Amino acid sequence: MNMIYMLIGISILLALIFLAAFFWASKSGQNDDTYTPAIRMLFDDEVTEQPSEKSDEDHTSR
């Protein structure tokens, strides 16, 4: 029976430690943007347009 009381006490202490860690993380701004990181891999890299070289064959008159 003593073991059950000790395990209950340890589990409550552990839960309070995790609760304190959660509040500390929230207060320090760890969870400010929860939407963008989830879809960041879907964003395309910025495409830089390169000037296309037009040859004389493209501008032939008909």
PDB file of N, CA and C in Angstrom:
ATOM      1  N   MET A   1       0.833  -1.192   0.000  1.00  0.00           N
ATOM      2  CA  MET A   1       0.000   0.000   0.000  1.00  0.00           C
ATOM      3  C   MET A   1       0.876   1.253   0.000  1.00  0.00           C
ATOM      4  N   ASN A   2       2.015   1.166   0.702  1.00  0.00           N
ATOM      5  CA  ASN A   2       2.910   2.318   0.733  1.00  0.00           C
ATOM      6  C   ASN A   2       3.465   2.623  -0.654  1.00  0.00           C
ATOM      7  N   MET A   3       3.668   1.564  -1.445  1.00  0.00           N
ATOM      8  CA  MET A   3       4.201   1.757  -2.790  1.00  0.00           C
ATOM      9  C   MET A   3       3.212   2.539  -3.658  1.00  0.00           C
ATOM     10  N   ILE A   4       1.917   2.300  -3.506  1.00  0.00           N
ATOM     11  CA  ILE A   4       0.897   3.020  -4.278  1.00  0.00           C
ATOM     12  C   ILE A   4       0.923   4.496  -3.921  1.00  0.00           C
ATOM     13  N   TYR A   5       1.037   4.826  -2.646  1.00  0.00           N
ATOM     14  CA  TYR A   5       1.101   6.232  -2.223  1.00  0.00           C
ATOM     15  C   TYR A   5       2.347   6.908  -2.778  1.00  0.00           C
ATOM     16  N   MET A   6       3.454   6.182  -2.796  1.00  0.00           N
ATOM     17  CA  MET A   6       4.689   6.760  -3.323  1.00  0.00           C
ATOM     18  C   MET A   6       4.566   6.990  -4.834  1.00  0.00           C
ATOM     19  N   LEU A   7       3.979   6.036  -5.566  1.00  0.00           N
ATOM     20  CA  LEU A   7       3.813   6.198  -7.005  1.00  0.00           C
ATOM     21  C   LEU A   7       2.845   7.323  -7.353  1.00  0.00           C
ATOM     22  N   ILE A   8       1.797   7.475  -6.578  1.00  0.00           N
ATOM     23  CA  ILE A   8       0.862   8.583  -6.794  1.00  0.00           C
ATOM     24  C   ILE A   8       1.571   9.914  -6.555  1.00  0.00           C
ATOM     25  N   GLY A   9       2.347   9.987  -5.516  1.00  0.00           N
ATOM     26  CA  GLY A   9       3.089  11.225  -5.224  1.00  0.00           C
ATOM     27  C   GLY A   9       4.097  11.556  -6.321  1.00  0.00           C
ATOM     28  N   ILE A  10       4.814  10.546  -6.807  1.00  0.00           N
ATOM     29  CA  ILE A  10       5.791  10.768  -7.877  1.00  0.00           C
ATOM     30  C   ILE A  10       5.090  11.193  -9.166  1.00  0.00           C
ATOM     31  N   SER A  11       3.953  10.580  -9.478  1.00  0.00           N
ATOM     32  CA  SER A  11       3.247  10.934 -10.708  1.00  0.00           C
ATOM     33  C   SER A  11       2.683  12.353 -10.637  1.00  0.00           C
ATOM     34  N   ILE A  12       2.196  12.769  -9.473  1.00  0.00           N
ATOM     35  CA  ILE A  12       1.710  14.144  -9.323  1.00  0.00           C
ATOM     36  C   ILE A  12       2.871  15.130  -9.447  1.00  0.00           C
ATOM     37  N   LEU A  13       4.011  14.805  -8.852  1.00  0.00           N
ATOM     38  CA  LEU A  13       5.190  15.669  -8.956  1.00  0.00           C
ATOM     39  C   LEU A  13       5.651  15.767 -10.414  1.00  0.00           C
ATOM     40  N   LEU A  14       5.669  14.668 -11.126  1.00  0.00           N
ATOM     41  CA  LEU A  14       6.067  14.669 -12.527  1.00  0.00           C
ATOM     42  C   LEU A  14       5.084  15.470 -13.382  1.00  0.00           C
ATOM     43  N   ALA A  15       3.798  15.338 -13.104  1.00  0.00           N
ATOM     44  CA  ALA A  15       2.787  16.105 -13.835  1.00  0.00           C
ATOM     45  C   ALA A  15       2.965  17.600 -13.587  1.00  0.00           C
ATOM     46  N   LEU A  16       3.279  17.998 -12.378  1.00  0.00           N
ATOM     47  CA  LEU A  16       3.498  19.410 -12.075  1.00  0.00           C
ATOM     48  C   LEU A  16       4.753  19.941 -12.776  1.00  0.00           C
ATOM     49  N   ILE A  17       5.771  19.105 -12.886  1.00  0.00           N
ATOM     50  CA  ILE A  17       6.986  19.521 -13.603  1.00  0.00           C
ATOM     51  C   ILE A  17       6.672  19.745 -15.084  1.00  0.00           C
ATOM     52  N   PHE A  18       5.921  18.837 -15.695  1.00  0.00           N
ATOM     53  CA  PHE A  18       5.549  19.010 -17.094  1.00  0.00           C
ATOM     54  C   PHE A  18       4.631  20.212 -17.292  1.00  0.00           C
ATOM     55  N   LEU A  19       3.745  20.464 -16.360  1.00  0.00           N
ATOM     56  CA  LEU A  19       2.873  21.626 -16.442  1.00  0.00           C
ATOM     57  C   LEU A  19       3.682  22.913 -16.349  1.00  0.00           C
ATOM     58  N   ALA A  20       4.653  22.956 -15.455  1.00  0.00           N
ATOM     59  CA  ALA A  20       5.520  24.136 -15.332  1.00  0.00           C
ATOM     60  C   ALA A  20       6.346  24.335 -16.600  1.00  0.00           C
ATOM     61  N   ALA A  21       6.839  23.247 -17.192  1.00  0.00           N
ATOM     62  CA  ALA A  21       7.608  23.344 -18.436  1.00  0.00           C
ATOM     63  C   ALA A  21       6.727  23.852 -19.582  1.00  0.00           C
ATOM     64  N   PHE A  22       5.472  23.424 -19.616  1.00  0.00           N
ATOM     65  CA  PHE A  22       4.553  23.908 -20.643  1.00  0.00           C
ATOM     66  C   PHE A  22       4.297  25.394 -20.501  1.00  0.00           C
ATOM     67  N   PHE A  23       4.030  25.853 -19.282  1.00  0.00           N
ATOM     68  CA  PHE A  23       3.787  27.284 -19.074  1.00  0.00           C
ATOM     69  C   PHE A  23       5.029  28.108 -19.373  1.00  0.00           C
ATOM     70  N   TRP A  24       6.211  27.596 -19.038  1.00  0.00           N
ATOM     71  CA  TRP A  24       7.450  28.308 -19.341  1.00  0.00           C
ATOM     72  C   TRP A  24       7.645  28.426 -20.860  1.00  0.00           C
ATOM     73  N   ALA A  25       7.369  27.337 -21.593  1.00  0.00           N
ATOM     74  CA  ALA A  25       7.516  27.362 -23.046  1.00  0.00           C
ATOM     75  C   ALA A  25       6.506  28.312 -23.683  1.00  0.00           C
ATOM     76  N   SER A  26       5.294  28.344 -23.163  1.00  0.00           N
ATOM     77  CA  SER A  26       4.282  29.248 -23.702  1.00  0.00           C
ATOM     78  C   SER A  26       4.639  30.698 -23.431  1.00  0.00           C
ATOM     79  N   LYS A  27       5.143  30.970 -22.256  1.00  0.00           N
ATOM     80  CA  LYS A  27       5.491  32.341 -21.894  1.00  0.00           C
ATOM     81  C   LYS A  27       6.701  32.840 -22.683  1.00  0.00           C
ATOM     82  N   SER A  28       7.625  31.947 -23.028  1.00  0.00           N
ATOM     83  CA  SER A  28       8.828  32.370 -23.742  1.00  0.00           C
ATOM     84  C   SER A  28       8.614  32.447 -25.250  1.00  0.00           C
ATOM     85  N   GLY A  29       7.417  32.180 -25.746  1.00  0.00           N
ATOM     86  CA  GLY A  29       7.101  32.355 -27.152  1.00  0.00           C
ATOM     87  C   GLY A  29       7.392  31.161 -28.029  1.00  0.00           C
ATOM     88  N   GLN A  30       7.465  29.983 -27.470  1.00  0.00           N
ATOM     89  CA  GLN A  30       7.761  28.790 -28.261  1.00  0.00           C
ATOM     90  C   GLN A  30       6.606  28.424 -29.201  1.00  0.00           C
ATOM     91  N   ASN A  31       5.388  28.802 -28.869  1.00  0.00           N
ATOM     92  CA  ASN A  31       4.214  28.379 -29.639  1.00  0.00           C
ATOM     93  C   ASN A  31       3.518  29.546 -30.312  1.00  0.00           C
ATOM     94  N   ASP A  32       4.274  30.558 -30.731  1.00  0.00           N
ATOM     95  CA  ASP A  32       3.638  31.720 -31.331  1.00  0.00           C
ATOM     96  C   ASP A  32       3.019  31.417 -32.686  1.00  0.00           C
ATOM     97  N   ASP A  33       3.747  30.738 -33.549  1.00  0.00           N
ATOM     98  CA  ASP A  33       3.249  30.445 -34.887  1.00  0.00           C
ATOM     99  C   ASP A  33       3.128  28.935 -35.046  1.00  0.00           C
ATOM    100  N   THR A  34       1.922  28.446 -34.961  1.00  0.00           N
ATOM    101  CA  THR A  34       1.731  27.000 -35.062  1.00  0.00           C
ATOM    102  C   THR A  34       1.276  26.570 -36.444  1.00  0.00           C
ATOM    103  N   TYR A  35       0.924  27.502 -37.323  1.00  0.00           N
ATOM    104  CA  TYR A  35       0.397  27.130 -38.631  1.00  0.00           C
ATOM    105  C   TYR A  35       1.497  27.020 -39.690  1.00  0.00           C
ATOM    106  N   THR A  36       2.366  28.016 -39.752  1.00  0.00           N
ATOM    107  CA  THR A  36       3.363  28.075 -40.822  1.00  0.00           C
ATOM    108  C   THR A  36       4.352  26.910 -40.814  1.00  0.00           C
ATOM    109  N   PRO A  37       4.901  26.480 -39.677  1.00  0.00           N
ATOM    110  CA  PRO A  37       5.856  25.371 -39.745  1.00  0.00           C
ATOM    111  C   PRO A  37       5.266  24.088 -40.324  1.00  0.00           C
ATOM    112  N   ALA A  38       3.995  23.882 -40.152  1.00  0.00           N
ATOM    113  CA  ALA A  38       3.376  22.656 -40.654  1.00  0.00           C
ATOM    114  C   ALA A  38       3.271  22.649 -42.173  1.00  0.00           C
ATOM    115  N   ILE A  39       3.165  23.836 -42.790  1.00  0.00           N
ATOM    116  CA  ILE A  39       3.025  23.883 -44.244  1.00  0.00           C
ATOM    117  C   ILE A  39       4.258  24.453 -44.923  1.00  0.00           C
ATOM    118  N   ARG A  40       5.329  24.696 -44.185  1.00  0.00           N
ATOM    119  CA  ARG A  40       6.530  25.288 -44.771  1.00  0.00           C
ATOM    120  C   ARG A  40       7.110  24.421 -45.882  1.00  0.00           C
ATOM    121  N   MET A  41       6.993  23.100 -45.753  1.00  0.00           N
ATOM    122  CA  MET A  41       7.553  22.220 -46.777  1.00  0.00           C
ATOM    123  C   MET A  41       6.760  22.291 -48.075  1.00  0.00           C
ATOM    124  N   LEU A  42       5.550  22.831 -48.037  1.00  0.00           N
ATOM    125  CA  LEU A  42       4.738  22.936 -49.240  1.00  0.00           C
ATOM    126  C   LEU A  42       5.054  24.179 -50.050  1.00  0.00           C
ATOM    127  N   PHE A  43       5.742  25.150 -49.456  1.00  0.00           N
ATOM    128  CA  PHE A  43       6.073  26.376 -50.167  1.00  0.00           C
ATOM    129  C   PHE A  43       7.132  26.091 -51.224  1.00  0.00           C
ATOM    130  N   ASP A  44       6.970  26.700 -52.377  1.00  0.00           N
ATOM    131  CA  ASP A  44       7.981  26.575 -53.416  1.00  0.00           C
ATOM    132  C   ASP A  44       9.137  27.503 -53.096  1.00  0.00           C
ATOM    133  N   ASP A  45      10.302  27.124 -53.571  1.00  0.00           N
ATOM    134  CA  ASP A  45      11.434  28.033 -53.456  1.00  0.00           C
ATOM    135  C   ASP A  45      11.178  29.221 -54.364  1.00  0.00           C
ATOM    136  N   GLU A  46      11.768  30.358 -54.015  1.00  0.00           N
ATOM    137  CA  GLU A  46      11.578  31.537 -54.844  1.00  0.00           C
ATOM    138  C   GLU A  46      12.224  31.306 -56.200  1.00  0.00           C
ATOM    139  N   VAL A  47      11.450  31.578 -57.231  1.00  0.00           N
ATOM    140  CA  VAL A  47      11.937  31.386 -58.586  1.00  0.00           C
ATOM    141  C   VAL A  47      12.448  32.723 -59.089  1.00  0.00           C
ATOM    142  N   THR A  48      13.685  32.737 -59.507  1.00  0.00           N
ATOM    143  CA  THR A  48      14.234  33.960 -60.087  1.00  0.00           C
ATOM    144  C   THR A  48      14.171  33.816 -61.593  1.00  0.00           C
ATOM    145  N   GLU A  49      13.583  34.797 -62.211  1.00  0.00           N
ATOM    146  CA  GLU A  49      13.441  34.731 -63.659  1.00  0.00           C
ATOM    147  C   GLU A  49      14.760  35.089 -64.314  1.00  0.00           C
ATOM    148  N   GLN A  50      15.191  34.219 -65.181  1.00  0.00           N
ATOM    149  CA  GLN A  50      16.409  34.470 -65.927  1.00  0.00           C
ATOM    150  C   GLN A  50      16.017  35.024 -67.282  1.00  0.00           C
ATOM    151  N   PRO A  51      16.742  36.013 -67.749  1.00  0.00           N
ATOM    152  CA  PRO A  51      16.383  36.560 -69.069  1.00  0.00           C
ATOM    153  C   PRO A  51      16.584  35.500 -70.132  1.00  0.00           C
ATOM    154  N   SER A  52      15.551  35.309 -70.907  1.00  0.00           N
ATOM    155  CA  SER A  52      15.642  34.289 -71.950  1.00  0.00           C
ATOM    156  C   SER A  52      16.384  34.867 -73.144  1.00  0.00           C
ATOM    157  N   GLU A  53      17.231  34.051 -73.701  1.00  0.00           N
ATOM    158  CA  GLU A  53      17.992  34.470 -74.872  1.00  0.00           C
ATOM    159  C   GLU A  53      17.198  34.093 -76.110  1.00  0.00           C
ATOM    160  N   LYS A  54      16.870  35.090 -76.891  1.00  0.00           N
ATOM    161  CA  LYS A  54      16.104  34.828 -78.106  1.00  0.00           C
ATOM    162  C   LYS A  54      17.060  34.816 -79.279  1.00  0.00           C
ATOM    163  N   SER A  55      16.967  33.775 -80.032  1.00  0.00           N
ATOM    164  CA  SER A  55      17.836  33.660 -81.196  1.00  0.00           C
ATOM    165  C   SER A  55      17.157  34.287 -82.407  1.00  0.00           C
ATOM    166  N   ASP A  56      17.894  34.351 -83.484  1.00  0.00           N
ATOM    167  CA  ASP A  56      17.347  34.921 -84.719  1.00  0.00           C
ATOM    168  C   ASP A  56      16.255  34.039 -85.301  1.00  0.00           C
ATOM    169  N   GLU A  57      16.279  32.774 -85.004  1.00  0.00           N
ATOM    170  CA  GLU A  57      15.288  31.854 -85.545  1.00  0.00           C
ATOM    171  C   GLU A  57      13.894  32.136 -84.992  1.00  0.00           C
ATOM    172  N   ASP A  58      13.821  32.706 -83.769  1.00  0.00           N
ATOM    173  CA  ASP A  58      12.520  33.002 -83.176  1.00  0.00           C
ATOM    174  C   ASP A  58      11.831  34.167 -83.863  1.00  0.00           C
ATOM    175  N   HIS A  59      12.583  35.033 -84.518  1.00  0.00           N
ATOM    176  CA  HIS A  59      12.018  36.251 -85.086  1.00  0.00           C
ATOM    177  C   HIS A  59      12.048  36.221 -86.611  1.00  0.00           C
ATOM    178  N   THR A  60      11.837  35.103 -87.192  1.00  0.00           N
ATOM    179  CA  THR A  60      11.833  35.028 -88.658  1.00  0.00           C
ATOM    180  C   THR A  60      10.526  35.576 -89.176  1.00  0.00           C
ATOM    181  N   SER A  61      10.593  36.298 -90.229  1.00  0.00           N
ATOM    182  CA  SER A  61       9.369  36.877 -90.812  1.00  0.00           C
ATOM    183  C   SER A  61       8.796  35.892 -91.818  1.00  0.00           C
ATOM    184  N   ARG A  62       7.506  35.904 -91.942  1.00  0.00           N
ATOM    185  CA  ARG A  62       6.831  34.971 -92.837  1.00  0.00           C
ATOM    186  C   ARG A  62       6.343  35.664 -94.044  1.00  0.00           C
TER     187      ARG A  62
END
